[in-house]
Amino acid sequence: MFSEQIAIKLEIVARRALNIKKKGGMGGVISAQHIEKEHGAFTVICAALAPYYLNATEEERKTLNDIIERYKVLNENCSPEEYFKIIDRASEELKNLLNHLGVQDVE
């Protein structure tokens, strides 16, 4: 899978989490371009989790904190191949979390 496709995958999941209907939400942060060109995947992941973190129970916050900790590595200097492999995993994990929470797709 090409890096652009992986970045788009994370963008779509984040837009779903934040109920953003248009591309480039939150001042362009929630975009494949930001993820791919500016290595902003960790920012996008944290932004996507933020609304759920606010009202979470301690147990739910632990799960969210675990996700944040797991993907903090995206802020480090990893190879492009590793960066996009991690993003792909993160996208799937966020998608599964949203499914578990009953979050609907953005229409």
N, C-alpha and C. Protein backbone atom coordinates (compact mmCIF):
# COMPACT_ATOMS: atom_id res chain seq x y z
N MET A 1 0.86 -1.18 0.00
CA MET A 1 0.00 0.00 0.00
C MET A 1 0.90 1.24 0.00
N PHE A 2 0.58 2.19 -0.83
CA PHE A 2 1.38 3.40 -0.93
C PHE A 2 1.18 4.29 0.29
N SER A 3 2.18 5.10 0.57
CA SER A 3 2.13 5.98 1.74
C SER A 3 0.92 6.91 1.71
N GLU A 4 0.59 7.41 0.53
CA GLU A 4 -0.56 8.32 0.42
C GLU A 4 -1.86 7.61 0.81
N GLN A 5 -2.01 6.37 0.39
CA GLN A 5 -3.21 5.61 0.73
C GLN A 5 -3.31 5.35 2.23
N ILE A 6 -2.18 5.09 2.85
CA ILE A 6 -2.16 4.87 4.30
C ILE A 6 -2.51 6.17 5.03
N ALA A 7 -1.96 7.28 4.55
CA ALA A 7 -2.27 8.58 5.16
C ALA A 7 -3.76 8.91 5.00
N ILE A 8 -4.33 8.61 3.86
CA ILE A 8 -5.76 8.83 3.63
C ILE A 8 -6.59 7.97 4.57
N LYS A 9 -6.15 6.75 4.79
CA LYS A 9 -6.85 5.84 5.70
C LYS A 9 -6.93 6.43 7.11
N LEU A 10 -5.82 6.98 7.61
CA LEU A 10 -5.83 7.60 8.94
C LEU A 10 -6.69 8.86 8.92
N GLU A 11 -6.61 9.64 7.87
CA GLU A 11 -7.44 10.84 7.76
C GLU A 11 -8.92 10.49 7.87
N ILE A 12 -9.34 9.48 7.15
CA ILE A 12 -10.75 9.07 7.15
C ILE A 12 -11.20 8.63 8.54
N VAL A 13 -10.36 7.85 9.22
CA VAL A 13 -10.71 7.39 10.57
C VAL A 13 -10.78 8.58 11.53
N ALA A 14 -9.83 9.50 11.43
CA ALA A 14 -9.82 10.68 12.31
C ALA A 14 -11.03 11.58 12.02
N ARG A 15 -11.37 11.75 10.76
CA ARG A 15 -12.55 12.55 10.44
C ARG A 15 -13.81 11.90 11.00
N ARG A 16 -13.87 10.59 10.97
CA ARG A 16 -14.99 9.87 11.57
C ARG A 16 -15.04 10.12 13.08
N ALA A 17 -13.89 10.02 13.74
CA ALA A 17 -13.82 10.20 15.19
C ALA A 17 -14.27 11.59 15.59
N LEU A 18 -13.95 12.58 14.76
CA LEU A 18 -14.23 13.97 15.08
C LEU A 18 -15.49 14.51 14.38
N ASN A 19 -16.16 13.65 13.62
CA ASN A 19 -17.35 14.04 12.87
C ASN A 19 -17.07 15.24 11.96
N ILE A 20 -15.96 15.16 11.25
CA ILE A 20 -15.58 16.19 10.28
C ILE A 20 -15.96 15.70 8.90
N LYS A 21 -16.80 16.45 8.23
CA LYS A 21 -17.33 16.01 6.94
C LYS A 21 -16.42 16.37 5.76
N LYS A 22 -15.64 17.43 5.88
CA LYS A 22 -14.81 17.88 4.77
C LYS A 22 -13.34 17.53 5.00
N LYS A 23 -12.60 17.41 3.92
CA LYS A 23 -11.16 17.19 4.01
C LYS A 23 -10.48 18.41 4.60
N GLY A 24 -9.37 18.20 5.27
CA GLY A 24 -8.57 19.31 5.79
C GLY A 24 -9.14 19.95 7.03
N GLY A 25 -9.89 19.20 7.82
CA GLY A 25 -10.49 19.75 9.03
C GLY A 25 -9.45 20.19 10.05
N MET A 26 -9.89 21.00 10.98
CA MET A 26 -9.05 21.54 12.05
C MET A 26 -7.84 22.28 11.47
N GLY A 27 -8.11 23.18 10.54
CA GLY A 27 -7.03 23.99 9.98
C GLY A 27 -6.04 23.21 9.14
N GLY A 28 -6.47 22.11 8.57
CA GLY A 28 -5.60 21.30 7.72
C GLY A 28 -4.84 20.22 8.46
N VAL A 29 -5.01 20.14 9.78
CA VAL A 29 -4.30 19.12 10.55
C VAL A 29 -4.85 17.73 10.25
N ILE A 30 -6.17 17.61 10.13
CA ILE A 30 -6.78 16.31 9.86
C ILE A 30 -6.79 16.11 8.34
N SER A 31 -5.62 15.85 7.79
CA SER A 31 -5.50 15.66 6.35
C SER A 31 -4.38 14.69 6.04
N ALA A 32 -4.55 13.98 4.95
CA ALA A 32 -3.53 13.04 4.51
C ALA A 32 -2.22 13.78 4.22
N GLN A 33 -2.32 14.98 3.69
CA GLN A 33 -1.11 15.74 3.39
C GLN A 33 -0.32 16.05 4.67
N HIS A 34 -1.01 16.44 5.72
CA HIS A 34 -0.34 16.72 6.99
C HIS A 34 0.31 15.44 7.54
N ILE A 35 -0.40 14.34 7.42
CA ILE A 35 0.12 13.06 7.91
C ILE A 35 1.34 12.63 7.12
N GLU A 36 1.24 12.74 5.80
CA GLU A 36 2.30 12.23 4.93
C GLU A 36 3.49 13.18 4.81
N LYS A 37 3.23 14.44 4.54
CA LYS A 37 4.31 15.39 4.24
C LYS A 37 4.92 16.03 5.48
N GLU A 38 4.12 16.20 6.53
CA GLU A 38 4.61 16.89 7.71
C GLU A 38 4.78 15.95 8.91
N HIS A 39 4.63 14.67 8.66
CA HIS A 39 4.76 13.64 9.70
C HIS A 39 3.91 13.98 10.92
N GLY A 40 2.64 14.31 10.64
CA GLY A 40 1.73 14.72 11.70
C GLY A 40 0.80 13.63 12.20
N ALA A 41 1.13 12.39 11.97
CA ALA A 41 0.23 11.29 12.34
C ALA A 41 -0.06 11.26 13.84
N PHE A 42 0.94 11.48 14.67
CA PHE A 42 0.71 11.42 16.12
C PHE A 42 -0.26 12.52 16.55
N THR A 43 -0.11 13.70 16.00
CA THR A 43 -1.03 14.81 16.29
C THR A 43 -2.45 14.44 15.89
N VAL A 44 -2.59 13.84 14.74
CA VAL A 44 -3.92 13.43 14.24
C VAL A 44 -4.52 12.37 15.17
N ILE A 45 -3.73 11.42 15.60
CA ILE A 45 -4.22 10.37 16.50
C ILE A 45 -4.69 10.99 17.82
N CYS A 46 -3.88 11.87 18.39
CA CYS A 46 -4.26 12.51 19.66
C CYS A 46 -5.52 13.36 19.50
N ALA A 47 -5.61 14.10 18.41
CA ALA A 47 -6.80 14.92 18.17
C ALA A 47 -8.04 14.04 18.04
N ALA A 48 -7.91 12.91 17.35
CA ALA A 48 -9.04 12.00 17.15
C ALA A 48 -9.52 11.40 18.47
N LEU A 49 -8.60 11.18 19.40
CA LEU A 49 -8.96 10.58 20.69
C LEU A 49 -9.46 11.60 21.71
N ALA A 50 -9.12 12.86 21.53
CA ALA A 50 -9.41 13.89 22.53
C ALA A 50 -10.87 13.95 22.98
N PRO A 51 -11.85 13.95 22.08
CA PRO A 51 -13.24 14.05 22.55
C PRO A 51 -13.66 12.87 23.44
N TYR A 52 -13.09 11.72 23.18
CA TYR A 52 -13.45 10.51 23.93
C TYR A 52 -12.73 10.50 25.28
N TYR A 53 -11.58 11.13 25.31
CA TYR A 53 -10.79 11.20 26.54
C TYR A 53 -11.48 12.08 27.59
N LEU A 54 -12.09 13.14 27.13
CA LEU A 54 -12.71 14.12 28.03
C LEU A 54 -13.73 13.50 28.99
N ASN A 55 -14.61 12.66 28.48
CA ASN A 55 -15.68 12.10 29.29
C ASN A 55 -15.47 10.63 29.66
N ALA A 56 -14.25 10.17 29.49
CA ALA A 56 -13.95 8.76 29.71
C ALA A 56 -13.86 8.43 31.20
N THR A 57 -14.21 7.19 31.50
CA THR A 57 -13.98 6.68 32.85
C THR A 57 -12.48 6.41 33.00
N GLU A 58 -12.05 6.10 34.20
CA GLU A 58 -10.63 5.79 34.42
C GLU A 58 -10.19 4.59 33.57
N GLU A 59 -11.04 3.59 33.49
CA GLU A 59 -10.72 2.40 32.70
C GLU A 59 -10.60 2.75 31.21
N GLU A 60 -11.54 3.56 30.73
CA GLU A 60 -11.50 3.98 29.32
C GLU A 60 -10.27 4.85 29.06
N ARG A 61 -9.94 5.71 30.01
CA ARG A 61 -8.75 6.56 29.84
C ARG A 61 -7.49 5.72 29.78
N LYS A 62 -7.45 4.64 30.53
CA LYS A 62 -6.29 3.75 30.47
C LYS A 62 -6.12 3.20 29.06
N THR A 63 -7.23 2.77 28.45
CA THR A 63 -7.18 2.27 27.08
C THR A 63 -6.69 3.35 26.12
N LEU A 64 -7.22 4.55 26.27
CA LEU A 64 -6.82 5.65 25.39
C LEU A 64 -5.35 6.02 25.62
N ASN A 65 -4.93 6.05 26.88
CA ASN A 65 -3.53 6.33 27.18
C ASN A 65 -2.60 5.27 26.59
N ASP A 66 -3.04 4.03 26.63
CA ASP A 66 -2.24 2.95 26.04
C ASP A 66 -2.06 3.17 24.54
N ILE A 67 -3.12 3.58 23.87
CA ILE A 67 -3.04 3.86 22.43
C ILE A 67 -2.06 5.01 22.18
N ILE A 68 -2.20 6.07 22.95
CA ILE A 68 -1.32 7.24 22.79
C ILE A 68 0.13 6.82 23.01
N GLU A 69 0.39 6.07 24.06
CA GLU A 69 1.76 5.62 24.34
C GLU A 69 2.32 4.74 23.22
N ARG A 70 1.47 3.87 22.70
CA ARG A 70 1.89 2.94 21.65
C ARG A 70 2.32 3.67 20.38
N TYR A 71 1.68 4.80 20.09
CA TYR A 71 1.97 5.49 18.83
C TYR A 71 2.81 6.74 19.00
N LYS A 72 3.30 6.99 20.21
CA LYS A 72 4.20 8.11 20.46
C LYS A 72 5.48 7.97 19.62
N VAL A 73 5.80 6.76 19.26
CA VAL A 73 6.98 6.47 18.44
C VAL A 73 6.93 7.21 17.10
N LEU A 74 5.73 7.61 16.67
CA LEU A 74 5.60 8.34 15.41
C LEU A 74 6.28 9.71 15.47
N ASN A 75 6.54 10.22 16.66
CA ASN A 75 7.25 11.50 16.82
C ASN A 75 8.75 11.32 16.72
N GLU A 76 9.21 10.08 16.75
CA GLU A 76 10.64 9.81 16.69
C GLU A 76 11.10 9.71 15.24
N ASN A 77 12.36 9.61 15.07
CA ASN A 77 12.95 9.56 13.74
C ASN A 77 12.96 8.12 13.23
N CYS A 78 11.86 7.67 12.66
CA CYS A 78 11.82 6.31 12.12
C CYS A 78 11.84 6.40 10.59
N SER A 79 12.16 5.31 9.97
CA SER A 79 12.23 5.28 8.50
C SER A 79 10.83 5.49 7.93
N PRO A 80 10.73 5.99 6.71
CA PRO A 80 9.42 6.17 6.08
C PRO A 80 8.61 4.87 6.04
N GLU A 81 9.28 3.76 5.76
CA GLU A 81 8.60 2.47 5.72
C GLU A 81 7.98 2.13 7.08
N GLU A 82 8.77 2.32 8.14
CA GLU A 82 8.28 2.04 9.49
C GLU A 82 7.17 3.01 9.88
N TYR A 83 7.34 4.29 9.55
CA TYR A 83 6.34 5.33 9.84
C TYR A 83 4.97 4.93 9.28
N PHE A 84 4.94 4.55 8.03
CA PHE A 84 3.65 4.22 7.40
C PHE A 84 3.11 2.86 7.84
N LYS A 85 3.99 1.95 8.20
CA LYS A 85 3.55 0.67 8.76
C LYS A 85 2.84 0.91 10.10
N ILE A 86 3.41 1.78 10.92
CA ILE A 86 2.81 2.11 12.21
C ILE A 86 1.49 2.84 12.02
N ILE A 87 1.44 3.77 11.08
CA ILE A 87 0.20 4.50 10.80
C ILE A 87 -0.90 3.53 10.38
N ASP A 88 -0.56 2.57 9.56
CA ASP A 88 -1.54 1.58 9.10
C ASP A 88 -2.12 0.82 10.29
N ARG A 89 -1.25 0.39 11.21
CA ARG A 89 -1.71 -0.30 12.43
C ARG A 89 -2.59 0.61 13.28
N ALA A 90 -2.15 1.86 13.43
CA ALA A 90 -2.91 2.82 14.24
C ALA A 90 -4.29 3.07 13.65
N SER A 91 -4.37 3.17 12.34
CA SER A 91 -5.67 3.38 11.68
C SER A 91 -6.63 2.25 11.97
N GLU A 92 -6.13 1.03 11.90
CA GLU A 92 -6.98 -0.13 12.19
C GLU A 92 -7.41 -0.14 13.65
N GLU A 93 -6.49 0.18 14.55
CA GLU A 93 -6.82 0.20 15.97
C GLU A 93 -7.86 1.28 16.28
N LEU A 94 -7.70 2.46 15.69
CA LEU A 94 -8.68 3.53 15.91
C LEU A 94 -10.04 3.16 15.32
N LYS A 95 -10.02 2.56 14.15
CA LYS A 95 -11.27 2.12 13.52
C LYS A 95 -12.00 1.12 14.41
N ASN A 96 -11.27 0.16 14.95
CA ASN A 96 -11.87 -0.84 15.85
C ASN A 96 -12.41 -0.20 17.12
N LEU A 97 -11.68 0.78 17.66
CA LEU A 97 -12.14 1.49 18.84
C LEU A 97 -13.44 2.24 18.55
N LEU A 98 -13.49 2.93 17.41
CA LEU A 98 -14.70 3.67 17.05
C LEU A 98 -15.88 2.73 16.85
N ASN A 99 -15.62 1.58 16.25
CA ASN A 99 -16.68 0.57 16.10
C ASN A 99 -17.19 0.13 17.47
N HIS A 100 -16.26 -0.12 18.38
CA HIS A 100 -16.61 -0.54 19.75
C HIS A 100 -17.44 0.54 20.46
N LEU A 101 -17.10 1.80 20.20
CA LEU A 101 -17.82 2.91 20.83
C LEU A 101 -19.13 3.26 20.12
N GLY A 102 -19.36 2.63 18.98
CA GLY A 102 -20.60 2.89 18.24
C GLY A 102 -20.59 4.19 17.46
N VAL A 103 -19.40 4.70 17.12
CA VAL A 103 -19.30 5.93 16.36
C VAL A 103 -19.63 5.64 14.89
N GLN A 104 -20.56 6.41 14.36
CA GLN A 104 -21.00 6.22 12.98
C GLN A 104 -20.02 6.85 12.00
N ASP A 105 -20.05 6.36 10.75
CA ASP A 105 -19.26 6.96 9.69
C ASP A 105 -19.76 8.37 9.42
N VAL A 106 -18.86 9.24 8.99
CA VAL A 106 -19.23 10.60 8.60
C VAL A 106 -19.96 10.53 7.27
N GLU A 107 -21.08 11.21 7.22
CA GLU A 107 -21.87 11.18 5.97
C GLU A 107 -21.58 12.38 5.11
